[in-house]
Amino acid sequence: MIEKVEKGDLVIVRTMNGTKEAIYQPCTVLETSERNITVEYCAGTDKNGSGKIKTETISRRDIVSLQLRA
């Protein structure tokens, strides 16, 4: 189920592009448009233990599910 999201929402996104599946959990919505959603998420830690923040622009057509996270 794809819900309407706004900037600042905390979401879980599952995508499928061909045979490649990705889950972004949890992530913060930075920007939305008719075709894309830009999210920011923690992609693990570096050798010093600091979180690595990544930004990803996801095409809405690749989104399998998008859920708001409380």
Protein backbone atom coordinates (compact mmCIF):
# COMPACT_ATOMS: atom_id res chain seq x y z
CA MET A 1 0.00 0.00 0.00
CA ILE A 2 1.37 3.39 -1.00
CA GLU A 3 0.36 6.14 1.38
CA LYS A 4 0.53 9.89 0.82
CA VAL A 5 3.68 11.23 2.44
CA GLU A 6 4.99 14.69 3.13
CA LYS A 7 8.39 16.20 3.87
CA GLY A 8 9.60 15.14 7.31
CA ASP A 9 7.56 11.93 7.53
CA LEU A 10 9.27 8.80 8.85
CA VAL A 11 8.57 5.92 6.45
CA ILE A 12 9.48 2.38 5.46
CA VAL A 13 9.97 1.98 1.70
CA ARG A 14 10.22 -1.31 -0.21
CA THR A 15 11.25 -1.11 -3.87
CA MET A 16 11.64 -3.54 -6.74
CA ASN A 17 13.64 -2.61 -9.83
CA GLY A 18 13.73 -5.58 -12.18
CA THR A 19 14.95 -8.39 -9.91
CA LYS A 20 16.65 -6.07 -7.40
CA GLU A 21 14.75 -5.51 -4.16
CA ALA A 22 15.65 -2.86 -1.61
CA ILE A 23 14.17 -1.94 1.75
CA TYR A 24 14.85 1.47 3.28
CA GLN A 25 13.86 1.29 6.94
CA PRO A 26 13.28 3.68 8.60
CA CYS A 27 13.94 6.77 6.51
CA THR A 28 12.92 10.41 6.51
CA VAL A 29 11.21 11.98 3.50
CA LEU A 30 13.21 14.99 2.31
CA GLU A 31 11.28 15.81 -0.85
CA THR A 32 8.35 14.49 -2.87
CA SER A 33 7.30 15.03 -6.45
CA GLU A 34 4.87 13.44 -8.87
CA ARG A 35 7.54 10.97 -10.05
CA ASN A 36 10.07 10.64 -7.21
CA ILE A 37 10.53 10.55 -3.47
CA THR A 38 13.85 11.61 -1.93
CA VAL A 39 14.64 9.97 1.41
CA GLU A 40 17.48 10.06 3.92
CA TYR A 41 18.46 7.01 5.97
CA CYS A 42 21.26 5.57 8.09
CA ALA A 43 23.35 3.10 6.09
CA GLY A 44 25.30 1.56 8.96
CA THR A 45 28.34 3.00 10.69
CA ASP A 46 31.87 3.88 9.69
CA LYS A 47 35.00 2.57 11.46
CA ASN A 48 34.65 5.24 14.17
CA GLY A 49 31.09 4.20 15.01
CA SER A 50 29.50 7.28 13.46
CA GLY A 51 26.34 6.77 11.44
CA LYS A 52 26.63 7.05 7.67
CA ILE A 53 23.69 9.07 6.37
CA LYS A 54 22.71 8.41 2.75
CA THR A 55 20.27 10.23 0.53
CA GLU A 56 18.39 8.30 -2.15
CA THR A 57 15.96 9.45 -4.82
CA ILE A 58 13.46 6.69 -5.51
CA SER A 59 11.19 6.54 -8.54
CA ARG A 60 7.55 6.12 -7.52
CA ARG A 61 7.10 3.43 -10.20
CA ASP A 62 9.70 1.24 -8.41
CA ILE A 63 7.94 1.47 -5.03
CA VAL A 64 6.21 -1.75 -3.99
CA SER A 65 5.13 -0.51 -0.57
CA LEU A 66 5.48 2.68 1.39
CA GLN A 67 4.23 2.89 4.97
CA LEU A 68 4.21 5.71 7.49
CA ARG A 69 6.11 4.84 10.65
CA ALA A 70 4.83 6.13 13.98
